[in-house]
């Protein structure tokens, strides 16, 4: 879009003195001035905004799920460290026994 069209589009949503009906009327009039290619671009933009909005409603659930996964990951990391220490100790015991036979 041209700079003028972008400014016009921005003004539709940023003007505080417009109520929902006036905003819808201005948006409809603005969309009628666009060519087919620009309308398709607007529809893609609108769909992307809707996806962002729907994803935002899922974030609290995902955040809680991520917290659980992080706790599980931390527990597994601790278990890995413990097993690593146990394996090193077992290896040292085997080496000490082998040296005592020599």
PDB file of N, CA and C in Angstrom:
ATOM      1  N   UNK A   1       0.833  -1.189   0.000  1.00  0.00           N
ATOM      2  CA  UNK A   1       0.000   0.000   0.000  1.00  0.00           C
ATOM      3  C   UNK A   1       0.875   1.248   0.000  1.00  0.00           C
ATOM      4  N   UNK A   2       0.308   2.288  -0.551  1.00  0.00           N
ATOM      5  CA  UNK A   2       1.022   3.567  -0.545  1.00  0.00           C
ATOM      6  C   UNK A   2       1.042   4.115   0.883  1.00  0.00           C
ATOM      7  N   UNK A   3       1.909   5.057   1.106  1.00  0.00           N
ATOM      8  CA  UNK A   3       2.021   5.661   2.440  1.00  0.00           C
ATOM      9  C   UNK A   3       0.700   6.312   2.846  1.00  0.00           C
ATOM     10  N   UNK A   4       0.029   6.910   1.873  1.00  0.00           N
ATOM     11  CA  UNK A   4      -1.254   7.565   2.151  1.00  0.00           C
ATOM     12  C   UNK A   4      -2.303   6.537   2.595  1.00  0.00           C
ATOM     13  N   UNK A   5      -2.354   5.403   1.886  1.00  0.00           N
ATOM     14  CA  UNK A   5      -3.322   4.345   2.229  1.00  0.00           C
ATOM     15  C   UNK A   5      -3.000   3.746   3.600  1.00  0.00           C
ATOM     16  N   UNK A   6      -1.710   3.527   3.870  1.00  0.00           N
ATOM     17  CA  UNK A   6      -1.324   2.972   5.172  1.00  0.00           C
ATOM     18  C   UNK A   6      -1.735   3.920   6.296  1.00  0.00           C
ATOM     19  N   UNK A   7      -1.534   5.210   6.084  1.00  0.00           N
ATOM     20  CA  UNK A   7      -1.914   6.203   7.093  1.00  0.00           C
ATOM     21  C   UNK A   7      -3.430   6.210   7.291  1.00  0.00           C
ATOM     22  N   UNK A   8      -4.168   6.114   6.199  1.00  0.00           N
ATOM     23  CA  UNK A   8      -5.635   6.085   6.284  1.00  0.00           C
ATOM     24  C   UNK A   8      -6.103   4.851   7.056  1.00  0.00           C
ATOM     25  N   UNK A   9      -5.501   3.702   6.758  1.00  0.00           N
ATOM     26  CA  UNK A   9      -5.851   2.456   7.442  1.00  0.00           C
ATOM     27  C   UNK A   9      -5.528   2.563   8.935  1.00  0.00           C
ATOM     28  N   UNK A  10      -4.364   3.088   9.249  1.00  0.00           N
ATOM     29  CA  UNK A  10      -3.939   3.248  10.640  1.00  0.00           C
ATOM     30  C   UNK A  10      -4.890   4.176  11.387  1.00  0.00           C
ATOM     31  N   UNK A  11      -5.300   5.255  10.732  1.00  0.00           N
ATOM     32  CA  UNK A  11      -6.194   6.228  11.371  1.00  0.00           C
ATOM     33  C   UNK A  11      -7.547   5.617  11.730  1.00  0.00           C
ATOM     34  N   UNK A  12      -8.011   4.686  10.921  1.00  0.00           N
ATOM     35  CA  UNK A  12      -9.304   4.047  11.203  1.00  0.00           C
ATOM     36  C   UNK A  12      -9.271   3.381  12.576  1.00  0.00           C
ATOM     37  N   UNK A  13      -8.139   2.794  12.923  1.00  0.00           N
ATOM     38  CA  UNK A  13      -8.059   2.045  14.177  1.00  0.00           C
ATOM     39  C   UNK A  13      -7.474   2.843  15.339  1.00  0.00           C
ATOM     40  N   UNK A  14      -6.806   3.940  15.048  1.00  0.00           N
ATOM     41  CA  UNK A  14      -6.176   4.690  16.140  1.00  0.00           C
ATOM     42  C   UNK A  14      -6.986   5.887  16.613  1.00  0.00           C
ATOM     43  N   UNK A  15      -7.950   6.337  15.833  1.00  0.00           N
ATOM     44  CA  UNK A  15      -8.757   7.485  16.266  1.00  0.00           C
ATOM     45  C   UNK A  15      -9.641   7.067  17.432  1.00  0.00           C
ATOM     46  N   UNK A  16      -9.506   7.787  18.524  1.00  0.00           N
ATOM     47  CA  UNK A  16     -10.238   7.450  19.748  1.00  0.00           C
ATOM     48  C   UNK A  16     -11.697   7.905  19.703  1.00  0.00           C
ATOM     49  N   UNK A  17     -11.988   8.909  18.889  1.00  0.00           N
ATOM     50  CA  UNK A  17     -13.340   9.473  18.879  1.00  0.00           C
ATOM     51  C   UNK A  17     -14.318   8.684  18.005  1.00  0.00           C
ATOM     52  N   UNK A  18     -13.879   7.614  17.363  1.00  0.00           N
ATOM     53  CA  UNK A  18     -14.779   6.801  16.531  1.00  0.00           C
ATOM     54  C   UNK A  18     -15.399   5.686  17.368  1.00  0.00           C
ATOM     55  N   UNK A  19     -16.724   5.516  17.224  1.00  0.00           N
ATOM     56  CA  UNK A  19     -17.336   4.360  17.869  1.00  0.00           C
ATOM     57  C   UNK A  19     -17.250   3.172  16.903  1.00  0.00           C
ATOM     58  N   UNK A  20     -17.723   2.021  17.320  1.00  0.00           N
ATOM     59  CA  UNK A  20     -17.576   0.802  16.515  1.00  0.00           C
ATOM     60  C   UNK A  20     -18.284   0.915  15.170  1.00  0.00           C
ATOM     61  N   UNK A  21     -19.459   1.538  15.142  1.00  0.00           N
ATOM     62  CA  UNK A  21     -20.208   1.676  13.892  1.00  0.00           C
ATOM     63  C   UNK A  21     -19.471   2.583  12.910  1.00  0.00           C
ATOM     64  N   UNK A  22     -19.000   3.711  13.408  1.00  0.00           N
ATOM     65  CA  UNK A  22     -18.251   4.634  12.542  1.00  0.00           C
ATOM     66  C   UNK A  22     -16.964   3.984  12.025  1.00  0.00           C
ATOM     67  N   UNK A  23     -16.304   3.255  12.902  1.00  0.00           N
ATOM     68  CA  UNK A  23     -15.069   2.578  12.512  1.00  0.00           C
ATOM     69  C   UNK A  23     -15.353   1.549  11.412  1.00  0.00           C
ATOM     70  N   UNK A  24     -16.434   0.784  11.574  1.00  0.00           N
ATOM     71  CA  UNK A  24     -16.806  -0.222  10.573  1.00  0.00           C
ATOM     72  C   UNK A  24     -17.161   0.434   9.242  1.00  0.00           C
ATOM     73  N   UNK A  25     -17.877   1.547   9.298  1.00  0.00           N
ATOM     74  CA  UNK A  25     -18.241   2.267   8.071  1.00  0.00           C
ATOM     75  C   UNK A  25     -16.996   2.774   7.352  1.00  0.00           C
ATOM     76  N   UNK A  26     -16.068   3.359   8.106  1.00  0.00           N
ATOM     77  CA  UNK A  26     -14.828   3.864   7.501  1.00  0.00           C
ATOM     78  C   UNK A  26     -14.000   2.716   6.923  1.00  0.00           C
ATOM     79  N   UNK A  27     -13.953   1.589   7.636  1.00  0.00           N
ATOM     80  CA  UNK A  27     -13.191   0.445   7.144  1.00  0.00           C
ATOM     81  C   UNK A  27     -13.809  -0.101   5.863  1.00  0.00           C
ATOM     82  N   UNK A  28     -15.137  -0.181   5.830  1.00  0.00           N
ATOM     83  CA  UNK A  28     -15.811  -0.662   4.620  1.00  0.00           C
ATOM     84  C   UNK A  28     -15.516   0.262   3.440  1.00  0.00           C
ATOM     85  N   UNK A  29     -15.590   1.563   3.663  1.00  0.00           N
ATOM     86  CA  UNK A  29     -15.294   2.527   2.596  1.00  0.00           C
ATOM     87  C   UNK A  29     -13.838   2.406   2.156  1.00  0.00           C
ATOM     88  N   UNK A  30     -12.941   2.201   3.108  1.00  0.00           N
ATOM     89  CA  UNK A  30     -11.522   2.046   2.778  1.00  0.00           C
ATOM     90  C   UNK A  30     -11.299   0.791   1.935  1.00  0.00           C
ATOM     91  N   UNK A  31     -11.932  -0.318   2.334  1.00  0.00           N
ATOM     92  CA  UNK A  31     -11.749  -1.579   1.605  1.00  0.00           C
ATOM     93  C   UNK A  31     -12.275  -1.493   0.178  1.00  0.00           C
ATOM     94  N   UNK A  32     -13.308  -0.685  -0.036  1.00  0.00           N
ATOM     95  CA  UNK A  32     -13.855  -0.525  -1.387  1.00  0.00           C
ATOM     96  C   UNK A  32     -12.886   0.197  -2.316  1.00  0.00           C
ATOM     97  N   UNK A  33     -11.919   0.915  -1.759  1.00  0.00           N
ATOM     98  CA  UNK A  33     -10.940   1.626  -2.593  1.00  0.00           C
ATOM     99  C   UNK A  33      -9.753   0.745  -2.982  1.00  0.00           C
ATOM    100  N   UNK A  34      -9.671  -0.451  -2.407  1.00  0.00           N
ATOM    101  CA  UNK A  34      -8.525  -1.331  -2.673  1.00  0.00           C
ATOM    102  C   UNK A  34      -8.759  -2.178  -3.919  1.00  0.00           C
ATOM    103  N   UNK A  35      -7.683  -2.513  -4.609  1.00  0.00           N
ATOM    104  CA  UNK A  35      -7.803  -3.432  -5.744  1.00  0.00           C
ATOM    105  C   UNK A  35      -7.779  -4.874  -5.218  1.00  0.00           C
ATOM    106  N   UNK A  36      -7.947  -5.850  -6.122  1.00  0.00           N
ATOM    107  CA  UNK A  36      -8.047  -7.254  -5.715  1.00  0.00           C
ATOM    108  C   UNK A  36      -6.811  -7.736  -4.963  1.00  0.00           C
ATOM    109  N   UNK A  37      -5.645  -7.363  -5.451  1.00  0.00           N
ATOM    110  CA  UNK A  37      -4.397  -7.799  -4.819  1.00  0.00           C
ATOM    111  C   UNK A  37      -4.292  -7.246  -3.395  1.00  0.00           C
ATOM    112  N   UNK A  38      -4.671  -5.991  -3.226  1.00  0.00           N
ATOM    113  CA  UNK A  38      -4.623  -5.371  -1.906  1.00  0.00           C
ATOM    114  C   UNK A  38      -5.659  -5.983  -0.965  1.00  0.00           C
ATOM    115  N   UNK A  39      -6.821  -6.350  -1.513  1.00  0.00           N
ATOM    116  CA  UNK A  39      -7.847  -7.001  -0.693  1.00  0.00           C
ATOM    117  C   UNK A  39      -7.372  -8.357  -0.192  1.00  0.00           C
ATOM    118  N   UNK A  40      -6.713  -9.111  -1.067  1.00  0.00           N
ATOM    119  CA  UNK A  40      -6.177 -10.416  -0.661  1.00  0.00           C
ATOM    120  C   UNK A  40      -5.137 -10.224   0.439  1.00  0.00           C
ATOM    121  N   UNK A  41      -4.281  -9.226   0.282  1.00  0.00           N
ATOM    122  CA  UNK A  41      -3.269  -8.940   1.305  1.00  0.00           C
ATOM    123  C   UNK A  41      -3.938  -8.566   2.628  1.00  0.00           C
ATOM    124  N   UNK A  42      -5.010  -7.764   2.564  1.00  0.00           N
ATOM    125  CA  UNK A  42      -5.735  -7.389   3.776  1.00  0.00           C
ATOM    126  C   UNK A  42      -6.338  -8.625   4.444  1.00  0.00           C
ATOM    127  N   UNK A  43      -6.922  -9.526   3.649  1.00  0.00           N
ATOM    128  CA  UNK A  43      -7.520 -10.737   4.213  1.00  0.00           C
ATOM    129  C   UNK A  43      -6.468 -11.606   4.894  1.00  0.00           C
ATOM    130  N   UNK A  44      -5.288 -11.712   4.290  1.00  0.00           N
ATOM    131  CA  UNK A  44      -4.203 -12.471   4.920  1.00  0.00           C
ATOM    132  C   UNK A  44      -3.779 -11.805   6.234  1.00  0.00           C
ATOM    133  N   UNK A  45      -3.695 -10.493   6.216  1.00  0.00           N
ATOM    134  CA  UNK A  45      -3.339  -9.736   7.418  1.00  0.00           C
ATOM    135  C   UNK A  45      -4.375  -9.957   8.519  1.00  0.00           C
ATOM    136  N   UNK A  46      -5.649  -9.871   8.151  1.00  0.00           N
ATOM    137  CA  UNK A  46      -6.735 -10.068   9.114  1.00  0.00           C
ATOM    138  C   UNK A  46      -6.695 -11.475   9.699  1.00  0.00           C
ATOM    139  N   UNK A  47      -6.495 -12.488   8.832  1.00  0.00           N
ATOM    140  CA  UNK A  47      -6.417 -13.869   9.303  1.00  0.00           C
ATOM    141  C   UNK A  47      -5.230 -14.073  10.240  1.00  0.00           C
ATOM    142  N   UNK A  48      -4.107 -13.444   9.920  1.00  0.00           N
ATOM    143  CA  UNK A  48      -2.925 -13.552  10.784  1.00  0.00           C
ATOM    144  C   UNK A  48      -3.208 -12.940  12.155  1.00  0.00           C
ATOM    145  N   UNK A  49      -3.896 -11.799  12.172  1.00  0.00           N
ATOM    146  CA  UNK A  49      -4.246 -11.174  13.454  1.00  0.00           C
ATOM    147  C   UNK A  49      -5.191 -12.058  14.254  1.00  0.00           C
ATOM    148  N   UNK A  50      -6.129 -12.695  13.576  1.00  0.00           N
ATOM    149  CA  UNK A  50      -7.046 -13.608  14.278  1.00  0.00           C
ATOM    150  C   UNK A  50      -6.292 -14.795  14.862  1.00  0.00           C
ATOM    151  N   UNK A  51      -5.314 -15.310  14.122  1.00  0.00           N
ATOM    152  CA  UNK A  51      -4.508 -16.417  14.638  1.00  0.00           C
ATOM    153  C   UNK A  51      -3.729 -15.990  15.873  1.00  0.00           C
ATOM    154  N   UNK A  52      -3.180 -14.789  15.832  1.00  0.00           N
ATOM    155  CA  UNK A  52      -2.449 -14.278  16.992  1.00  0.00           C
ATOM    156  C   UNK A  52      -3.395 -14.161  18.183  1.00  0.00           C
ATOM    157  N   UNK A  53      -4.587 -13.660  17.928  1.00  0.00           N
ATOM    158  CA  UNK A  53      -5.558 -13.489  19.007  1.00  0.00           C
ATOM    159  C   UNK A  53      -5.981 -14.842  19.574  1.00  0.00           C
ATOM    160  N   UNK A  54      -6.230 -15.829  18.715  1.00  0.00           N
ATOM    161  CA  UNK A  54      -6.644 -17.139  19.223  1.00  0.00           C
ATOM    162  C   UNK A  54      -5.503 -17.827  19.954  1.00  0.00           C
ATOM    163  N   UNK A  55      -4.275 -17.614  19.504  1.00  0.00           N
ATOM    164  CA  UNK A  55      -3.133 -18.196  20.205  1.00  0.00           C
ATOM    165  C   UNK A  55      -2.938 -17.545  21.567  1.00  0.00           C
ATOM    166  N   UNK A  56      -3.254 -16.280  21.673  1.00  0.00           N
ATOM    167  CA  UNK A  56      -3.098 -15.578  22.950  1.00  0.00           C
ATOM    168  C   UNK A  56      -4.025 -16.158  24.005  1.00  0.00           C
ATOM    169  N   UNK A  57      -5.199 -16.641  23.598  1.00  0.00           N
ATOM    170  CA  UNK A  57      -6.104 -17.239  24.575  1.00  0.00           C
ATOM    171  C   UNK A  57      -5.599 -18.598  25.035  1.00  0.00           C
ATOM    172  N   UNK A  58      -4.730 -19.232  24.247  1.00  0.00           N
ATOM    173  CA  UNK A  58      -4.187 -20.539  24.618  1.00  0.00           C
ATOM    174  C   UNK A  58      -2.933 -20.423  25.477  1.00  0.00           C
ATOM    175  N   UNK A  59      -2.339 -19.249  25.535  1.00  0.00           N
ATOM    176  CA  UNK A  59      -1.059 -19.088  26.230  1.00  0.00           C
ATOM    177  C   UNK A  59      -1.079 -19.480  27.704  1.00  0.00           C
ATOM    178  N   UNK A  60      -2.075 -19.104  28.498  1.00  0.00           N
ATOM    179  CA  UNK A  60      -2.031 -19.525  29.904  1.00  0.00           C
ATOM    180  C   UNK A  60      -1.977 -21.042  30.053  1.00  0.00           C
ATOM    181  N   UNK A  61      -2.747 -21.754  29.241  1.00  0.00           N
ATOM    182  CA  UNK A  61      -2.730 -23.219  29.289  1.00  0.00           C
ATOM    183  C   UNK A  61      -1.356 -23.738  28.898  1.00  0.00           C
ATOM    184  N   UNK A  62      -0.800 -23.188  27.827  1.00  0.00           N
ATOM    185  CA  UNK A  62       0.516 -23.626  27.377  1.00  0.00           C
ATOM    186  C   UNK A  62       1.583 -23.281  28.403  1.00  0.00           C
ATOM    187  N   UNK A  63       1.431 -22.147  29.047  1.00  0.00           N
ATOM    188  CA  UNK A  63       2.401 -21.746  30.054  1.00  0.00           C
ATOM    189  C   UNK A  63       2.411 -22.744  31.209  1.00  0.00           C
ATOM    190  N   UNK A  64       1.233 -23.156  31.666  1.00  0.00           N
ATOM    191  CA  UNK A  64       1.157 -24.142  32.745  1.00  0.00           C
ATOM    192  C   UNK A  64       1.753 -25.470  32.296  1.00  0.00           C
ATOM    193  N   UNK A  65       1.452 -25.856  31.068  1.00  0.00           N
ATOM    194  CA  UNK A  65       1.998 -27.103  30.529  1.00  0.00           C
ATOM    195  C   UNK A  65       3.518 -27.014  30.416  1.00  0.00           C
ATOM    196  N   UNK A  66       4.011 -25.868  29.975  1.00  0.00           N
ATOM    197  CA  UNK A  66       5.463 -25.681  29.879  1.00  0.00           C
ATOM    198  C   UNK A  66       6.123 -25.750  31.248  1.00  0.00           C
ATOM    199  N   UNK A  67       5.471 -25.210  32.264  1.00  0.00           N
ATOM    200  CA  UNK A  67       6.027 -25.277  33.618  1.00  0.00           C
ATOM    201  C   UNK A  67       6.157 -26.727  34.076  1.00  0.00           C
ATOM    202  N   UNK A  68       5.141 -27.536  33.786  1.00  0.00           N
ATOM    203  CA  UNK A  68       5.215 -28.956  34.148  1.00  0.00           C
ATOM    204  C   UNK A  68       6.339 -29.651  33.398  1.00  0.00           C
ATOM    205  N   UNK A  69       6.461 -29.347  32.113  1.00  0.00           N
ATOM    206  CA  UNK A  69       7.532 -29.956  31.327  1.00  0.00           C
ATOM    207  C   UNK A  69       8.905 -29.534  31.832  1.00  0.00           C
ATOM    208  N   UNK A  70       9.040 -28.278  32.223  1.00  0.00           N
ATOM    209  CA  UNK A  70      10.319 -27.817  32.768  1.00  0.00           C
ATOM    210  C   UNK A  70      10.655 -28.524  34.076  1.00  0.00           C
ATOM    211  N   UNK A  71       9.656 -28.742  34.918  1.00  0.00           N
ATOM    212  CA  UNK A  71       9.897 -29.471  36.169  1.00  0.00           C
ATOM    213  C   UNK A  71      10.333 -30.903  35.877  1.00  0.00           C
ATOM    214  N   UNK A  72       9.669 -31.542  34.916  1.00  0.00           N
ATOM    215  CA  UNK A  72      10.057 -32.907  34.543  1.00  0.00           C
ATOM    216  C   UNK A  72      11.467 -32.926  33.975  1.00  0.00           C
ATOM    217  N   UNK A  73      11.784 -31.934  33.157  1.00  0.00           N
ATOM    218  CA  UNK A  73      13.123 -31.853  32.568  1.00  0.00           C
ATOM    219  C   UNK A  73      14.173 -31.685  33.666  1.00  0.00           C
ATOM    220  N   UNK A  74      13.904 -30.801  34.624  1.00  0.00           N
ATOM    221  CA  UNK A  74      14.847 -30.593  35.727  1.00  0.00           C
ATOM    222  C   UNK A  74      15.037 -31.869  36.538  1.00  0.00           C
ATOM    223  N   UNK A  75      13.940 -32.594  36.794  1.00  0.00           N
ATOM    224  CA  UNK A  75      14.039 -33.853  37.535  1.00  0.00           C
ATOM    225  C   UNK A  75      14.869 -34.869  36.758  1.00  0.00           C
ATOM    226  N   UNK A  76      14.662 -34.944  35.451  1.00  0.00           N
ATOM    227  CA  UNK A  76      15.449 -35.867  34.627  1.00  0.00           C
ATOM    228  C   UNK A  76      16.920 -35.468  34.596  1.00  0.00           C
ATOM    229  N   UNK A  77      17.182 -34.187  34.575  1.00  0.00           N
ATOM    230  CA  UNK A  77      18.570 -33.700  34.585  1.00  0.00           C
ATOM    231  C   UNK A  77      19.261 -34.088  35.893  1.00  0.00           C
ATOM    232  N   UNK A  78      18.555 -33.948  37.008  1.00  0.00           N
ATOM    233  CA  UNK A  78      19.109 -34.358  38.306  1.00  0.00           C
ATOM    234  C   UNK A  78      19.363 -35.862  38.341  1.00  0.00           C
ATOM    235  N   UNK A  79      18.437 -36.632  37.819  1.00  0.00           N
ATOM    236  CA  UNK A  79      18.602 -38.094  37.768  1.00  0.00           C
ATOM    237  C   UNK A  79      19.810 -38.461  36.909  1.00  0.00           C
ATOM    238  N   UNK A  80      19.978 -37.762  35.802  1.00  0.00           N
ATOM    239  CA  UNK A  80      21.124 -38.012  34.919  1.00  0.00           C
ATOM    240  C   UNK A  80      22.432 -37.742  35.658  1.00  0.00           C
ATOM    241  N   UNK A  81      22.489 -36.638  36.396  1.00  0.00           N
ATOM    242  CA  UNK A  81      23.699 -36.318  37.166  1.00  0.00           C
ATOM    243  C   UNK A  81      23.976 -37.395  38.212  1.00  0.00           C
ATOM    244  N   UNK A  82      22.924 -37.818  38.902  1.00  0.00           N
ATOM    245  CA  UNK A  82      23.089 -38.844  39.937  1.00  0.00           C
ATOM    246  C   UNK A  82      23.594 -40.143  39.336  1.00  0.00           C
ATOM    247  N   UNK A  83      23.003 -40.547  38.213  1.00  0.00           N
ATOM    248  CA  UNK A  83      23.436 -41.782  37.559  1.00  0.00           C
ATOM    249  C   UNK A  83      24.865 -41.673  37.052  1.00  0.00           C
ATOM    250  N   UNK A  84      25.242 -40.504  36.590  1.00  0.00           N
ATOM    251  CA  UNK A  84      26.606 -40.289  36.117  1.00  0.00           C
ATOM    252  C   UNK A  84      27.599 -40.442  37.265  1.00  0.00           C
ATOM    253  N   UNK A  85      27.272 -39.865  38.414  1.00  0.00           N
ATOM    254  CA  UNK A  85      28.142 -39.994  39.593  1.00  0.00           C
ATOM    255  C   UNK A  85      28.209 -41.453  40.027  1.00  0.00           C
ATOM    256  N   UNK A  86      27.063 -42.131  40.049  1.00  0.00           N
ATOM    257  CA  UNK A  86      27.044 -43.549  40.423  1.00  0.00           C
ATOM    258  C   UNK A  86      27.888 -44.380  39.476  1.00  0.00           C
ATOM    259  N   UNK A  87      27.811 -44.087  38.190  1.00  0.00           N
ATOM    260  CA  UNK A  87      28.588 -44.839  37.199  1.00  0.00           C
ATOM    261  C   UNK A  87      30.082 -44.589  37.388  1.00  0.00           C
ATOM    262  N   UNK A  88      30.463 -43.362  37.677  1.00  0.00           N
ATOM    263  CA  UNK A  88      31.880 -43.050  37.908  1.00  0.00           C
ATOM    264  C   UNK A  88      32.388 -43.769  39.151  1.00  0.00           C
ATOM    265  N   UNK A  89      31.577 -43.796  40.202  1.00  0.00           N
ATOM    266  CA  UNK A  89      31.978 -44.491  41.423  1.00  0.00           C
ATOM    267  C   UNK A  89      32.123 -45.987  41.172  1.00  0.00           C
ATOM    268  N   UNK A  90      31.196 -46.563  40.430  1.00  0.00           N
ATOM    269  CA  UNK A  90      31.270 -47.994  40.115  1.00  0.00           C
ATOM    270  C   UNK A  90      32.516 -48.287  39.293  1.00  0.00           C
ATOM    271  N   UNK A  91      32.844 -47.417  38.366  1.00  0.00           N
ATOM    272  CA  UNK A  91      34.036 -47.598  37.538  1.00  0.00           C
ATOM    273  C   UNK A  91      35.299 -47.540  38.403  1.00  0.00           C
ATOM    274  N   UNK A  92      35.340 -46.607  39.356  1.00  0.00           N
ATOM    275  CA  UNK A  92      36.491 -46.503  40.252  1.00  0.00           C
ATOM    276  C   UNK A  92      36.635 -47.751  41.118  1.00  0.00           C
ATOM    277  N   UNK A  93      35.524 -48.274  41.594  1.00  0.00           N
ATOM    278  CA  UNK A  93      35.564 -49.500  42.401  1.00  0.00           C
ATOM    279  C   UNK A  93      36.134 -50.643  41.578  1.00  0.00           C
ATOM    280  N   UNK A  94      35.722 -50.762  40.341  1.00  0.00           N
ATOM    281  CA  UNK A  94      36.232 -51.821  39.458  1.00  0.00           C
ATOM    282  C   UNK A  94      37.731 -51.641  39.240  1.00  0.00           C
ATOM    283  N   UNK A  95      38.182 -50.422  39.016  1.00  0.00           N
ATOM    284  CA  UNK A  95      39.609 -50.160  38.814  1.00  0.00           C
ATOM    285  C   UNK A  95      40.418 -50.507  40.065  1.00  0.00           C
ATOM    286  N   UNK A  96      39.904 -50.157  41.228  1.00  0.00           N
ATOM    287  CA  UNK A  96      40.603 -50.468  42.486  1.00  0.00           C
ATOM    288  C   UNK A  96      40.707 -51.973  42.671  1.00  0.00           C
ATOM    289  N   UNK A  97      39.646 -52.704  42.388  1.00  0.00           N
ATOM    290  CA  UNK A  97      39.675 -54.166  42.517  1.00  0.00           C
ATOM    291  C   UNK A  97      40.670 -54.785  41.545  1.00  0.00           C
ATOM    292  N   UNK A  98      40.702 -54.257  40.317  1.00  0.00           N
ATOM    293  CA  UNK A  98      41.644 -54.783  39.323  1.00  0.00           C
ATOM    294  C   UNK A  98      43.083 -54.542  39.773  1.00  0.00           C
ATOM    295  N   UNK A  99      43.355 -53.378  40.335  1.00  0.00           N
ATOM    296  CA  UNK A  99      44.712 -53.078  40.800  1.00  0.00           C
ATOM    297  C   UNK A  99      45.100 -53.963  41.974  1.00  0.00           C
ATOM    298  N   UNK A 100      44.131 -54.304  42.815  1.00  0.00           N
ATOM    299  CA  UNK A 100      44.455 -55.155  43.968  1.00  0.00           C
ATOM    300  C   UNK A 100      44.799 -56.575  43.529  1.00  0.00           C
ATOM    301  N   UNK A 101      44.303 -57.027  42.397  1.00  0.00           N
ATOM    302  CA  UNK A 101      44.643 -58.353  41.884  1.00  0.00           C
ATOM    303  C   UNK A 101      46.040 -58.370  41.274  1.00  0.00           C
ATOM    304  N   UNK A 102      46.492 -57.241  40.801  1.00  0.00           N
ATOM    305  CA  UNK A 102      47.809 -57.184  40.168  1.00  0.00           C
ATOM    306  C   UNK A 102      48.842 -57.198  41.217  1.00  0.00           C
TER     307      UNK A 102
END
